[in-house]
Amino acid sequence: MKEIITDPNSPASTSPASQGTKGGGLVFVGGQMPRDVETGEIVSGAEAQARLSLKHCISVVEAGGSSVEKIMLAIVYMTDLAAKSAVNEVFAETFGDRPPARNLVEVSDIGESAIVEIGVIALE
């Protein structure tokens, strides 16, 4: 049975799974829109977007009873693959020597023209 995870500190995203679902021992968080919680605006710059998107994902994962250490896979949606180095830098800051596997997906449009959105799968 799937359970919806809610976290009032994580802003809404264009993804219906942005607030997270869990079931079968996994926690899934859909693509998190890099939206500033205070202003509601999309932040600018690939590095800032990756940092905020990942922070939102981690918040939902933790609300679902998991942890950063249990994140196995990150799905990174980018409208511009030139953002890859910024994303890798944010992952290194966050995960150190134990980064989760990453699936980098180039898409023509993400939500409100964001450059980077991140979703994750973690063990419960």
PDB file of N, CA and C in Angstrom:
ATOM      1  N   MET A   1       0.828  -1.181   0.000  1.00  0.00           N
ATOM      2  CA  MET A   1       0.000   0.000   0.000  1.00  0.00           C
ATOM      3  C   MET A   1       0.875   1.248   0.000  1.00  0.00           C
ATOM      4  N   LYS A   2       0.576   2.183  -0.893  1.00  0.00           N
ATOM      5  CA  LYS A   2       1.345   3.415  -0.964  1.00  0.00           C
ATOM      6  C   LYS A   2       0.832   4.422   0.047  1.00  0.00           C
ATOM      7  N   GLU A   3       1.754   5.129   0.652  1.00  0.00           N
ATOM      8  CA  GLU A   3       1.396   6.175   1.598  1.00  0.00           C
ATOM      9  C   GLU A   3       1.956   7.484   1.067  1.00  0.00           C
ATOM     10  N   ILE A   4       1.142   8.528   1.089  1.00  0.00           N
ATOM     11  CA  ILE A   4       1.596   9.843   0.664  1.00  0.00           C
ATOM     12  C   ILE A   4       2.312  10.502   1.834  1.00  0.00           C
ATOM     13  N   ILE A   5       3.460  11.059   1.569  1.00  0.00           N
ATOM     14  CA  ILE A   5       4.240  11.758   2.586  1.00  0.00           C
ATOM     15  C   ILE A   5       3.974  13.246   2.413  1.00  0.00           C
ATOM     16  N   THR A   6       3.712  13.939   3.478  1.00  0.00           N
ATOM     17  CA  THR A   6       3.536  15.381   3.363  1.00  0.00           C
ATOM     18  C   THR A   6       4.565  16.084   4.217  1.00  0.00           C
ATOM     19  N   ASP A   7       5.009  17.198   3.741  1.00  0.00           N
ATOM     20  CA  ASP A   7       5.971  18.010   4.471  1.00  0.00           C
ATOM     21  C   ASP A   7       5.644  19.473   4.208  1.00  0.00           C
ATOM     22  N   PRO A   8       5.115  20.178   5.204  1.00  0.00           N
ATOM     23  CA  PRO A   8       4.711  21.565   4.982  1.00  0.00           C
ATOM     24  C   PRO A   8       5.873  22.507   4.655  1.00  0.00           C
ATOM     25  N   ASN A   9       7.103  22.091   4.928  1.00  0.00           N
ATOM     26  CA  ASN A   9       8.249  22.947   4.632  1.00  0.00           C
ATOM     27  C   ASN A   9       8.788  22.763   3.224  1.00  0.00           C
ATOM     28  N   SER A  10       8.240  21.832   2.486  1.00  0.00           N
ATOM     29  CA  SER A  10       8.688  21.595   1.123  1.00  0.00           C
ATOM     30  C   SER A  10       7.650  22.169   0.171  1.00  0.00           C
ATOM     31  N   PRO A  11       8.041  23.114  -0.679  1.00  0.00           N
ATOM     32  CA  PRO A  11       7.057  23.771  -1.548  1.00  0.00           C
ATOM     33  C   PRO A  11       6.488  22.835  -2.603  1.00  0.00           C
ATOM     34  N   ALA A  12       5.341  23.200  -3.095  1.00  0.00           N
ATOM     35  CA  ALA A  12       4.694  22.396  -4.132  1.00  0.00           C
ATOM     36  C   ALA A  12       5.547  22.376  -5.390  1.00  0.00           C
ATOM     37  N   SER A  13       5.414  21.315  -6.128  1.00  0.00           N
ATOM     38  CA  SER A  13       6.135  21.162  -7.382  1.00  0.00           C
ATOM     39  C   SER A  13       5.125  20.825  -8.460  1.00  0.00           C
ATOM     40  N   THR A  14       5.585  20.848  -9.693  1.00  0.00           N
ATOM     41  CA  THR A  14       4.722  20.440 -10.786  1.00  0.00           C
ATOM     42  C   THR A  14       4.504  18.925 -10.777  1.00  0.00           C
ATOM     43  N   SER A  15       5.335  18.209 -10.039  1.00  0.00           N
ATOM     44  CA  SER A  15       5.220  16.756  -9.980  1.00  0.00           C
ATOM     45  C   SER A  15       4.165  16.342  -8.958  1.00  0.00           C
ATOM     46  N   PRO A  16       3.235  15.443  -9.322  1.00  0.00           N
ATOM     47  CA  PRO A  16       2.235  14.995  -8.342  1.00  0.00           C
ATOM     48  C   PRO A  16       2.846  14.224  -7.185  1.00  0.00           C
ATOM     49  N   ALA A  17       4.068  13.713  -7.372  1.00  0.00           N
ATOM     50  CA  ALA A  17       4.728  12.969  -6.301  1.00  0.00           C
ATOM     51  C   ALA A  17       5.713  13.837  -5.537  1.00  0.00           C
ATOM     52  N   SER A  18       5.603  15.163  -5.697  1.00  0.00           N
ATOM     53  CA  SER A  18       6.593  16.040  -5.074  1.00  0.00           C
ATOM     54  C   SER A  18       6.588  15.940  -3.561  1.00  0.00           C
ATOM     55  N   GLN A  19       5.449  15.608  -2.975  1.00  0.00           N
ATOM     56  CA  GLN A  19       5.394  15.464  -1.533  1.00  0.00           C
ATOM     57  C   GLN A  19       5.781  14.061  -1.092  1.00  0.00           C
ATOM     58  N   GLY A  20       6.086  13.213  -2.042  1.00  0.00           N
ATOM     59  CA  GLY A  20       6.626  11.889  -1.750  1.00  0.00           C
ATOM     60  C   GLY A  20       5.584  10.805  -1.587  1.00  0.00           C
ATOM     61  N   THR A  21       5.969   9.604  -1.972  1.00  0.00           N
ATOM     62  CA  THR A  21       5.160   8.415  -1.724  1.00  0.00           C
ATOM     63  C   THR A  21       6.101   7.350  -1.195  1.00  0.00           C
ATOM     64  N   LYS A  22       5.558   6.448  -0.399  1.00  0.00           N
ATOM     65  CA  LYS A  22       6.387   5.332   0.035  1.00  0.00           C
ATOM     66  C   LYS A  22       5.582   4.056   0.021  1.00  0.00           C
ATOM     67  N   GLY A  23       6.277   2.980  -0.229  1.00  0.00           N
ATOM     68  CA  GLY A  23       5.659   1.670  -0.288  1.00  0.00           C
ATOM     69  C   GLY A  23       6.698   0.656  -0.702  1.00  0.00           C
ATOM     70  N   GLY A  24       6.530  -0.565  -0.276  1.00  0.00           N
ATOM     71  CA  GLY A  24       7.464  -1.623  -0.649  1.00  0.00           C
ATOM     72  C   GLY A  24       8.879  -1.368  -0.169  1.00  0.00           C
ATOM     73  N   GLY A  25       9.022  -0.627   0.918  1.00  0.00           N
ATOM     74  CA  GLY A  25      10.346  -0.377   1.473  1.00  0.00           C
ATOM     75  C   GLY A  25      11.106   0.754   0.811  1.00  0.00           C
ATOM     76  N   LEU A  26      10.454   1.486  -0.102  1.00  0.00           N
ATOM     77  CA  LEU A  26      11.102   2.592  -0.799  1.00  0.00           C
ATOM     78  C   LEU A  26      10.363   3.898  -0.544  1.00  0.00           C
ATOM     79  N   VAL A  27      11.099   4.991  -0.607  1.00  0.00           N
ATOM     80  CA  VAL A  27      10.523   6.333  -0.568  1.00  0.00           C
ATOM     81  C   VAL A  27      10.869   6.975  -1.904  1.00  0.00           C
ATOM     82  N   PHE A  28       9.851   7.442  -2.618  1.00  0.00           N
ATOM     83  CA  PHE A  28      10.048   8.081  -3.913  1.00  0.00           C
ATOM     84  C   PHE A  28       9.629   9.537  -3.813  1.00  0.00           C
ATOM     85  N   VAL A  29      10.489  10.425  -4.275  1.00  0.00           N
ATOM     86  CA  VAL A  29      10.171  11.852  -4.320  1.00  0.00           C
ATOM     87  C   VAL A  29      10.288  12.299  -5.760  1.00  0.00           C
ATOM     88  N   GLY A  30       9.199  12.812  -6.306  1.00  0.00           N
ATOM     89  CA  GLY A  30       9.209  13.286  -7.688  1.00  0.00           C
ATOM     90  C   GLY A  30      10.050  14.536  -7.836  1.00  0.00           C
ATOM     91  N   GLY A  31      10.186  15.015  -9.050  1.00  0.00           N
ATOM     92  CA  GLY A  31      11.035  16.172  -9.321  1.00  0.00           C
ATOM     93  C   GLY A  31      10.652  17.387  -8.498  1.00  0.00           C
ATOM     94  N   GLN A  32      11.568  17.864  -7.707  1.00  0.00           N
ATOM     95  CA  GLN A  32      11.328  19.030  -6.871  1.00  0.00           C
ATOM     96  C   GLN A  32      11.655  20.299  -7.639  1.00  0.00           C
ATOM     97  N   MET A  33      10.679  21.176  -7.740  1.00  0.00           N
ATOM     98  CA  MET A  33      10.876  22.463  -8.385  1.00  0.00           C
ATOM     99  C   MET A  33      11.761  23.326  -7.491  1.00  0.00           C
ATOM    100  N   PRO A  34      12.787  23.960  -8.039  1.00  0.00           N
ATOM    101  CA  PRO A  34      13.682  24.781  -7.232  1.00  0.00           C
ATOM    102  C   PRO A  34      13.045  26.130  -6.877  1.00  0.00           C
ATOM    103  N   ARG A  35      12.001  26.065  -6.062  1.00  0.00           N
ATOM    104  CA  ARG A  35      11.241  27.257  -5.699  1.00  0.00           C
ATOM    105  C   ARG A  35      11.604  27.682  -4.273  1.00  0.00           C
ATOM    106  N   ASP A  36      11.936  28.937  -4.103  1.00  0.00           N
ATOM    107  CA  ASP A  36      12.277  29.473  -2.789  1.00  0.00           C
ATOM    108  C   ASP A  36      11.052  29.431  -1.886  1.00  0.00           C
ATOM    109  N   VAL A  37      11.204  28.845  -0.696  1.00  0.00           N
ATOM    110  CA  VAL A  37      10.086  28.690   0.233  1.00  0.00           C
ATOM    111  C   VAL A  37       9.558  30.049   0.676  1.00  0.00           C
ATOM    112  N   GLU A  38      10.447  31.017   0.845  1.00  0.00           N
ATOM    113  CA  GLU A  38      10.040  32.344   1.335  1.00  0.00           C
ATOM    114  C   GLU A  38       9.264  33.135   0.289  1.00  0.00           C
ATOM    115  N   THR A  39       9.784  33.178  -0.942  1.00  0.00           N
ATOM    116  CA  THR A  39       9.200  34.048  -1.965  1.00  0.00           C
ATOM    117  C   THR A  39       8.273  33.328  -2.931  1.00  0.00           C
ATOM    118  N   GLY A  40       8.425  32.004  -3.042  1.00  0.00           N
ATOM    119  CA  GLY A  40       7.635  31.245  -4.014  1.00  0.00           C
ATOM    120  C   GLY A  40       8.189  31.345  -5.427  1.00  0.00           C
ATOM    121  N   GLU A  41       9.273  32.085  -5.602  1.00  0.00           N
ATOM    122  CA  GLU A  41       9.873  32.280  -6.924  1.00  0.00           C
ATOM    123  C   GLU A  41      10.879  31.176  -7.245  1.00  0.00           C
ATOM    124  N   ILE A  42      11.040  30.883  -8.544  1.00  0.00           N
ATOM    125  CA  ILE A  42      12.065  29.954  -8.991  1.00  0.00           C
ATOM    126  C   ILE A  42      13.413  30.643  -8.807  1.00  0.00           C
ATOM    127  N   VAL A  43      14.356  29.978  -8.159  1.00  0.00           N
ATOM    128  CA  VAL A  43      15.678  30.575  -7.971  1.00  0.00           C
ATOM    129  C   VAL A  43      16.443  30.517  -9.289  1.00  0.00           C
ATOM    130  N   SER A  44      17.367  31.422  -9.469  1.00  0.00           N
ATOM    131  CA  SER A  44      18.113  31.439 -10.723  1.00  0.00           C
ATOM    132  C   SER A  44      19.491  30.818 -10.536  1.00  0.00           C
ATOM    133  N   GLY A  45      20.016  30.267 -11.611  1.00  0.00           N
ATOM    134  CA  GLY A  45      21.338  29.646 -11.598  1.00  0.00           C
ATOM    135  C   GLY A  45      21.252  28.164 -11.322  1.00  0.00           C
ATOM    136  N   ALA A  46      21.959  27.382 -12.135  1.00  0.00           N
ATOM    137  CA  ALA A  46      21.893  25.924 -12.032  1.00  0.00           C
ATOM    138  C   ALA A  46      22.353  25.413 -10.674  1.00  0.00           C
ATOM    139  N   GLU A  47      23.422  25.988 -10.124  1.00  0.00           N
ATOM    140  CA  GLU A  47      23.934  25.509  -8.845  1.00  0.00           C
ATOM    141  C   GLU A  47      22.922  25.771  -7.727  1.00  0.00           C
ATOM    142  N   ALA A  48      22.354  26.967  -7.696  1.00  0.00           N
ATOM    143  CA  ALA A  48      21.358  27.300  -6.668  1.00  0.00           C
ATOM    144  C   ALA A  48      20.113  26.427  -6.827  1.00  0.00           C
ATOM    145  N   GLN A  49      19.712  26.176  -8.059  1.00  0.00           N
ATOM    146  CA  GLN A  49      18.545  25.331  -8.302  1.00  0.00           C
ATOM    147  C   GLN A  49      18.807  23.902  -7.850  1.00  0.00           C
ATOM    148  N   ALA A  50      19.981  23.372  -8.174  1.00  0.00           N
ATOM    149  CA  ALA A  50      20.310  22.003  -7.770  1.00  0.00           C
ATOM    150  C   ALA A  50      20.353  21.898  -6.252  1.00  0.00           C
ATOM    151  N   ARG A  51      20.952  22.879  -5.612  1.00  0.00           N
ATOM    152  CA  ARG A  51      21.069  22.867  -4.150  1.00  0.00           C
ATOM    153  C   ARG A  51      19.679  22.882  -3.501  1.00  0.00           C
ATOM    154  N   LEU A  52      18.805  23.759  -3.978  1.00  0.00           N
ATOM    155  CA  LEU A  52      17.470  23.872  -3.396  1.00  0.00           C
ATOM    156  C   LEU A  52      16.621  22.646  -3.716  1.00  0.00           C
ATOM    157  N   SER A  53      16.693  22.152  -4.945  1.00  0.00           N
ATOM    158  CA  SER A  53      15.929  20.959  -5.315  1.00  0.00           C
ATOM    159  C   SER A  53      16.337  19.761  -4.463  1.00  0.00           C
ATOM    160  N   LEU A  54      17.640  19.593  -4.274  1.00  0.00           N
ATOM    161  CA  LEU A  54      18.128  18.475  -3.472  1.00  0.00           C
ATOM    162  C   LEU A  54      17.724  18.642  -2.008  1.00  0.00           C
ATOM    163  N   LYS A  55      17.793  19.861  -1.508  1.00  0.00           N
ATOM    164  CA  LYS A  55      17.379  20.137  -0.125  1.00  0.00           C
ATOM    165  C   LYS A  55      15.902  19.770   0.067  1.00  0.00           C
ATOM    166  N   HIS A  56      15.062  20.126  -0.902  1.00  0.00           N
ATOM    167  CA  HIS A  56      13.647  19.782  -0.831  1.00  0.00           C
ATOM    168  C   HIS A  56      13.448  18.274  -0.839  1.00  0.00           C
ATOM    169  N   CYS A  57      14.175  17.571  -1.714  1.00  0.00           N
ATOM    170  CA  CYS A  57      14.072  16.109  -1.777  1.00  0.00           C
ATOM    171  C   CYS A  57      14.437  15.481  -0.439  1.00  0.00           C
ATOM    172  N   ILE A  58      15.541  15.932   0.136  1.00  0.00           N
ATOM    173  CA  ILE A  58      15.996  15.376   1.407  1.00  0.00           C
ATOM    174  C   ILE A  58      14.964  15.621   2.497  1.00  0.00           C
ATOM    175  N   SER A  59      14.342  16.795   2.478  1.00  0.00           N
ATOM    176  CA  SER A  59      13.303  17.122   3.455  1.00  0.00           C
ATOM    177  C   SER A  59      12.132  16.139   3.375  1.00  0.00           C
ATOM    178  N   VAL A  60      11.715  15.822   2.158  1.00  0.00           N
ATOM    179  CA  VAL A  60      10.594  14.891   1.976  1.00  0.00           C
ATOM    180  C   VAL A  60      11.010  13.473   2.340  1.00  0.00           C
ATOM    181  N   VAL A  61      12.231  13.077   1.965  1.00  0.00           N
ATOM    182  CA  VAL A  61      12.744  11.753   2.317  1.00  0.00           C
ATOM    183  C   VAL A  61      12.750  11.574   3.835  1.00  0.00           C
ATOM    184  N   GLU A  62      13.228  12.588   4.548  1.00  0.00           N
ATOM    185  CA  GLU A  62      13.274  12.513   6.012  1.00  0.00           C
ATOM    186  C   GLU A  62      11.878  12.505   6.613  1.00  0.00           C
ATOM    187  N   ALA A  63      10.942  13.251   6.019  1.00  0.00           N
ATOM    188  CA  ALA A  63       9.555  13.227   6.493  1.00  0.00           C
ATOM    189  C   ALA A  63       8.932  11.848   6.294  1.00  0.00           C
ATOM    190  N   GLY A  64       9.452  11.100   5.314  1.00  0.00           N
ATOM    191  CA  GLY A  64       8.979   9.750   5.040  1.00  0.00           C
ATOM    192  C   GLY A  64       9.647   8.686   5.889  1.00  0.00           C
ATOM    193  N   GLY A  65      10.493   9.110   6.826  1.00  0.00           N
ATOM    194  CA  GLY A  65      11.116   8.156   7.732  1.00  0.00           C
ATOM    195  C   GLY A  65      12.426   7.578   7.233  1.00  0.00           C
ATOM    196  N   SER A  66      12.969   8.135   6.160  1.00  0.00           N
ATOM    197  CA  SER A  66      14.245   7.657   5.648  1.00  0.00           C
ATOM    198  C   SER A  66      15.324   8.678   6.007  1.00  0.00           C
ATOM    199  N   SER A  67      16.473   8.597   5.330  1.00  0.00           N
ATOM    200  CA  SER A  67      17.570   9.516   5.626  1.00  0.00           C
ATOM    201  C   SER A  67      18.426   9.728   4.383  1.00  0.00           C
ATOM    202  N   VAL A  68      19.288  10.724   4.462  1.00  0.00           N
ATOM    203  CA  VAL A  68      20.199  11.036   3.363  1.00  0.00           C
ATOM    204  C   VAL A  68      21.026   9.808   3.000  1.00  0.00           C
ATOM    205  N   GLU A  69      21.476   9.082   3.999  1.00  0.00           N
ATOM    206  CA  GLU A  69      22.337   7.921   3.770  1.00  0.00           C
ATOM    207  C   GLU A  69      21.636   6.804   2.994  1.00  0.00           C
ATOM    208  N   LYS A  70      20.318   6.810   2.997  1.00  0.00           N
ATOM    209  CA  LYS A  70      19.575   5.740   2.337  1.00  0.00           C
ATOM    210  C   LYS A  70      19.118   6.116   0.919  1.00  0.00           C
ATOM    211  N   ILE A  71      19.504   7.291   0.450  1.00  0.00           N
ATOM    212  CA  ILE A  71      19.165   7.674  -0.921  1.00  0.00           C
ATOM    213  C   ILE A  71      20.036   6.858  -1.873  1.00  0.00           C
ATOM    214  N   MET A  72      19.383   6.097  -2.750  1.00  0.00           N
ATOM    215  CA  MET A  72      20.102   5.204  -3.663  1.00  0.00           C
ATOM    216  C   MET A  72      20.257   5.794  -5.060  1.00  0.00           C
ATOM    217  N   LEU A  73      19.242   6.523  -5.505  1.00  0.00           N
ATOM    218  CA  LEU A  73      19.231   7.006  -6.882  1.00  0.00           C
ATOM    219  C   LEU A  73      18.648   8.408  -6.917  1.00  0.00           C
ATOM    220  N   ALA A  74      19.275   9.275  -7.667  1.00  0.00           N
ATOM    221  CA  ALA A  74      18.750  10.615  -7.904  1.00  0.00           C
ATOM    222  C   ALA A  74      18.479  10.747  -9.399  1.00  0.00           C
ATOM    223  N   ILE A  75      17.316  11.252  -9.721  1.00  0.00           N
ATOM    224  CA  ILE A  75      16.963  11.510 -11.112  1.00  0.00           C
ATOM    225  C   ILE A  75      17.054  13.016 -11.284  1.00  0.00           C
ATOM    226  N   VAL A  76      17.956  13.465 -12.138  1.00  0.00           N
ATOM    227  CA  VAL A  76      18.182  14.901 -12.323  1.00  0.00           C
ATOM    228  C   VAL A  76      17.674  15.285 -13.710  1.00  0.00           C
ATOM    229  N   TYR A  77      16.670  16.140 -13.733  1.00  0.00           N
ATOM    230  CA  TYR A  77      16.090  16.615 -14.991  1.00  0.00           C
ATOM    231  C   TYR A  77      16.710  17.970 -15.308  1.00  0.00           C
ATOM    232  N   MET A  78      17.282  18.107 -16.510  1.00  0.00           N
ATOM    233  CA  MET A  78      17.931  19.353 -16.892  1.00  0.00           C
ATOM    234  C   MET A  78      17.493  19.781 -18.286  1.00  0.00           C
ATOM    235  N   THR A  79      17.217  21.059 -18.439  1.00  0.00           N
ATOM    236  CA  THR A  79      16.931  21.578 -19.774  1.00  0.00           C
ATOM    237  C   THR A  79      18.227  21.883 -20.510  1.00  0.00           C
ATOM    238  N   ASP A  80      19.331  21.967 -19.761  1.00  0.00           N
ATOM    239  CA  ASP A  80      20.626  22.271 -20.352  1.00  0.00           C
ATOM    240  C   ASP A  80      21.687  21.395 -19.689  1.00  0.00           C
ATOM    241  N   LEU A  81      22.267  20.476 -20.453  1.00  0.00           N
ATOM    242  CA  LEU A  81      23.261  19.567 -19.882  1.00  0.00           C
ATOM    243  C   LEU A  81      24.540  20.280 -19.431  1.00  0.00           C
ATOM    244  N   ALA A  82      24.680  21.552 -19.782  1.00  0.00           N
ATOM    245  CA  ALA A  82      25.816  22.329 -19.290  1.00  0.00           C
ATOM    246  C   ALA A  82      25.722  22.508 -17.775  1.00  0.00           C
ATOM    247  N   ALA A  83      24.551  22.255 -17.202  1.00  0.00           N
ATOM    248  CA  ALA A  83      24.354  22.360 -15.750  1.00  0.00           C
ATOM    249  C   ALA A  83      24.938  21.161 -15.011  1.00  0.00           C
ATOM    250  N   LYS A  84      25.421  20.164 -15.747  1.00  0.00           N
ATOM    251  CA  LYS A  84      25.923  18.931 -15.125  1.00  0.00           C
ATOM    252  C   LYS A  84      27.019  19.191 -14.092  1.00  0.00           C
ATOM    253  N   SER A  85      27.976  20.054 -14.392  1.00  0.00           N
ATOM    254  CA  SER A  85      29.068  20.305 -13.443  1.00  0.00           C
ATOM    255  C   SER A  85      28.544  20.955 -12.164  1.00  0.00           C
ATOM    256  N   ALA A  86      27.579  21.849 -12.268  1.00  0.00           N
ATOM    257  CA  ALA A  86      26.987  22.480 -11.077  1.00  0.00           C
ATOM    258  C   ALA A  86      26.257  21.446 -10.235  1.00  0.00           C
ATOM    259  N   VAL A  87      25.537  20.550 -10.893  1.00  0.00           N
ATOM    260  CA  VAL A  87      24.825  19.484 -10.176  1.00  0.00           C
ATOM    261  C   VAL A  87      25.821  18.571  -9.474  1.00  0.00           C
ATOM    262  N   ASN A  88      26.886  18.188 -10.163  1.00  0.00           N
ATOM    263  CA  ASN A  88      27.895  17.313  -9.563  1.00  0.00           C
ATOM    264  C   ASN A  88      28.547  17.965  -8.346  1.00  0.00           C
ATOM    265  N   GLU A  89      28.770  19.264  -8.411  1.00  0.00           N
ATOM    266  CA  GLU A  89      29.363  19.983  -7.282  1.00  0.00           C
ATOM    267  C   GLU A  89      28.437  19.954  -6.065  1.00  0.00           C
ATOM    268  N   VAL A  90      27.151  20.174  -6.296  1.00  0.00           N
ATOM    269  CA  VAL A  90      26.175  20.143  -5.202  1.00  0.00           C
ATOM    270  C   VAL A  90      26.085  18.738  -4.604  1.00  0.00           C
ATOM    271  N   PHE A  91      26.132  17.711  -5.448  1.00  0.00           N
ATOM    272  CA  PHE A  91      26.090  16.337  -4.939  1.00  0.00           C
ATOM    273  C   PHE A  91      27.327  16.035  -4.100  1.00  0.00           C
ATOM    274  N   ALA A  92      28.488  16.517  -4.533  1.00  0.00           N
ATOM    275  CA  ALA A  92      29.721  16.296  -3.768  1.00  0.00           C
ATOM    276  C   ALA A  92      29.638  16.977  -2.401  1.00  0.00           C
ATOM    277  N   GLU A  93      29.090  18.184  -2.374  1.00  0.00           N
ATOM    278  CA  GLU A  93      28.920  18.901  -1.095  1.00  0.00           C
ATOM    279  C   GLU A  93      27.976  18.155  -0.164  1.00  0.00           C
ATOM    280  N   THR A  94      26.930  17.617  -0.729  1.00  0.00           N
ATOM    281  CA  THR A  94      25.875  16.979   0.073  1.00  0.00           C
ATOM    282  C   THR A  94      26.240  15.574   0.511  1.00  0.00           C
ATOM    283  N   PHE A  95      26.793  14.790  -0.399  1.00  0.00           N
ATOM    284  CA  PHE A  95      27.005  13.371  -0.138  1.00  0.00           C
ATOM    285  C   PHE A  95      28.460  12.974   0.080  1.00  0.00           C
ATOM    286  N   GLY A  96      29.398  13.869  -0.171  1.00  0.00           N
ATOM    287  CA  GLY A  96      30.806  13.541   0.005  1.00  0.00           C
ATOM    288  C   GLY A  96      31.242  12.404  -0.903  1.00  0.00           C
ATOM    289  N   ASP A  97      31.912  11.423  -0.313  1.00  0.00           N
ATOM    290  CA  ASP A  97      32.447  10.304  -1.084  1.00  0.00           C
ATOM    291  C   ASP A  97      31.413   9.241  -1.421  1.00  0.00           C
ATOM    292  N   ARG A  98      30.200   9.360  -0.894  1.00  0.00           N
ATOM    293  CA  ARG A  98      29.190   8.344  -1.115  1.00  0.00           C
ATOM    294  C   ARG A  98      27.970   8.906  -1.854  1.00  0.00           C
ATOM    295  N   PRO A  99      28.175   9.422  -3.054  1.00  0.00           N
ATOM    296  CA  PRO A  99      27.020   9.953  -3.771  1.00  0.00           C
ATOM    297  C   PRO A  99      26.130   8.825  -4.285  1.00  0.00           C
ATOM    298  N   PRO A 100      24.829   9.063  -4.318  1.00  0.00           N
ATOM    299  CA  PRO A 100      23.948   8.050  -4.918  1.00  0.00           C
ATOM    300  C   PRO A 100      24.150   8.025  -6.426  1.00  0.00           C
ATOM    301  N   ALA A 101      23.707   6.966  -7.045  1.00  0.00           N
ATOM    302  CA  ALA A 101      23.737   6.898  -8.507  1.00  0.00           C
ATOM    303  C   ALA A 101      22.883   8.038  -9.051  1.00  0.00           C
ATOM    304  N   ARG A 102      23.274   8.554 -10.203  1.00  0.00           N
ATOM    305  CA  ARG A 102      22.519   9.639 -10.814  1.00  0.00           C
ATOM    306  C   ARG A 102      22.102   9.281 -12.220  1.00  0.00           C
ATOM    307  N   ASN A 103      20.885   9.600 -12.531  1.00  0.00           N
ATOM    308  CA  ASN A 103      20.388   9.442 -13.886  1.00  0.00           C
ATOM    309  C   ASN A 103      20.097  10.853 -14.376  1.00  0.00           C
ATOM    310  N   LEU A 104      20.933  11.351 -15.284  1.00  0.00           N
ATOM    311  CA  LEU A 104      20.763  12.705 -15.800  1.00  0.00           C
ATOM    312  C   LEU A 104      19.887  12.641 -17.047  1.00  0.00           C
ATOM    313  N   VAL A 105      18.798  13.364 -17.018  1.00  0.00           N
ATOM    314  CA  VAL A 105      17.822  13.316 -18.099  1.00  0.00           C
ATOM    315  C   VAL A 105      17.684  14.707 -18.709  1.00  0.00           C
ATOM    316  N   GLU A 106      17.916  14.803 -20.008  1.00  0.00           N
ATOM    317  CA  GLU A 106      17.718  16.089 -20.674  1.00  0.00           C
ATOM    318  C   GLU A 106      16.278  16.170 -21.156  1.00  0.00           C
ATOM    319  N   VAL A 107      15.610  17.237 -20.794  1.00  0.00           N
ATOM    320  CA  VAL A 107      14.222  17.449 -21.208  1.00  0.00           C
ATOM    321  C   VAL A 107      14.105  18.835 -21.823  1.00  0.00           C
ATOM    322  N   SER A 108      13.139  18.992 -22.714  1.00  0.00           N
ATOM    323  CA  SER A 108      13.021  20.280 -23.398  1.00  0.00           C
ATOM    324  C   SER A 108      12.375  21.343 -22.517  1.00  0.00           C
ATOM    325  N   ASP A 109      11.532  20.918 -21.572  1.00  0.00           N
ATOM    326  CA  ASP A 109      10.865  21.902 -20.717  1.00  0.00           C
ATOM    327  C   ASP A 109      10.615  21.284 -19.351  1.00  0.00           C
ATOM    328  N   ILE A 110      10.890  22.050 -18.309  1.00  0.00           N
ATOM    329  CA  ILE A 110      10.595  21.612 -16.949  1.00  0.00           C
ATOM    330  C   ILE A 110       9.735  22.682 -16.308  1.00  0.00           C
ATOM    331  N   GLY A 111       8.544  22.308 -15.950  1.00  0.00           N
ATOM    332  CA  GLY A 111       7.694  23.223 -15.204  1.00  0.00           C
ATOM    333  C   GLY A 111       7.727  24.639 -15.733  1.00  0.00           C
ATOM    334  N   GLU A 112       8.148  25.556 -14.885  1.00  0.00           N
ATOM    335  CA  GLU A 112       8.165  26.973 -15.230  1.00  0.00           C
ATOM    336  C   GLU A 112       9.525  27.391 -15.778  1.00  0.00           C
ATOM    337  N   SER A 113      10.009  26.632 -16.745  1.00  0.00           N
ATOM    338  CA  SER A 113      11.295  26.889 -17.395  1.00  0.00           C
ATOM    339  C   SER A 113      12.490  26.782 -16.456  1.00  0.00           C
ATOM    340  N   ALA A 114      12.375  25.954 -15.438  1.00  0.00           N
ATOM    341  CA  ALA A 114      13.510  25.712 -14.552  1.00  0.00           C
ATOM    342  C   ALA A 114      14.589  24.959 -15.320  1.00  0.00           C
ATOM    343  N   ILE A 115      15.832  25.129 -14.905  1.00  0.00           N
ATOM    344  CA  ILE A 115      16.940  24.417 -15.548  1.00  0.00           C
ATOM    345  C   ILE A 115      17.124  23.040 -14.921  1.00  0.00           C
ATOM    346  N   VAL A 116      17.007  22.955 -13.599  1.00  0.00           N
ATOM    347  CA  VAL A 116      17.279  21.708 -12.886  1.00  0.00           C
ATOM    348  C   VAL A 116      16.138  21.353 -11.945  1.00  0.00           C
ATOM    349  N   GLU A 117      15.694  20.116 -12.000  1.00  0.00           N
ATOM    350  CA  GLU A 117      14.803  19.544 -10.995  1.00  0.00           C
ATOM    351  C   GLU A 117      15.406  18.220 -10.604  1.00  0.00           C
ATOM    352  N   ILE A 118      15.222  17.827  -9.343  1.00  0.00           N
ATOM    353  CA  ILE A 118      15.787  16.570  -8.851  1.00  0.00           C
ATOM    354  C   ILE A 118      14.712  15.760  -8.165  1.00  0.00           C
ATOM    355  N   GLY A 119      14.707  14.460  -8.399  1.00  0.00           N
ATOM    356  CA  GLY A 119      13.858  13.517  -7.681  1.00  0.00           C
ATOM    357  C   GLY A 119      14.762  12.418  -7.136  1.00  0.00           C
ATOM    358  N   VAL A 120      14.310  11.735  -6.123  1.00  0.00           N
ATOM    359  CA  VAL A 120      15.161  10.681  -5.533  1.00  0.00           C
ATOM    360  C   VAL A 120      14.349   9.455  -5.165  1.00  0.00           C
ATOM    361  N   ILE A 121      15.072   8.336  -5.044  1.00  0.00           N
ATOM    362  CA  ILE A 121      14.522   7.089  -4.506  1.00  0.00           C
ATOM    363  C   ILE A 121      15.426   6.681  -3.346  1.00  0.00           C
ATOM    364  N   ALA A 122      14.808   6.401  -2.200  1.00  0.00           N
ATOM    365  CA  ALA A 122      15.571   6.026  -1.010  1.00  0.00           C
ATOM    366  C   ALA A 122      14.976   4.767  -0.402  1.00  0.00           C
ATOM    367  N   LEU A 123      15.786   4.049   0.343  1.00  0.00           N
ATOM    368  CA  LEU A 123      15.275   2.934   1.131  1.00  0.00           C
ATOM    369  C   LEU A 123      14.512   3.508   2.321  1.00  0.00           C
ATOM    370  N   GLU A 124      13.430   2.853   2.689  1.00  0.00           N
ATOM    371  CA  GLU A 124      12.633   3.322   3.830  1.00  0.00           C
ATOM    372  C   GLU A 124      13.361   3.083   5.121  1.00  0.00           C
TER     373      GLU A 124
END
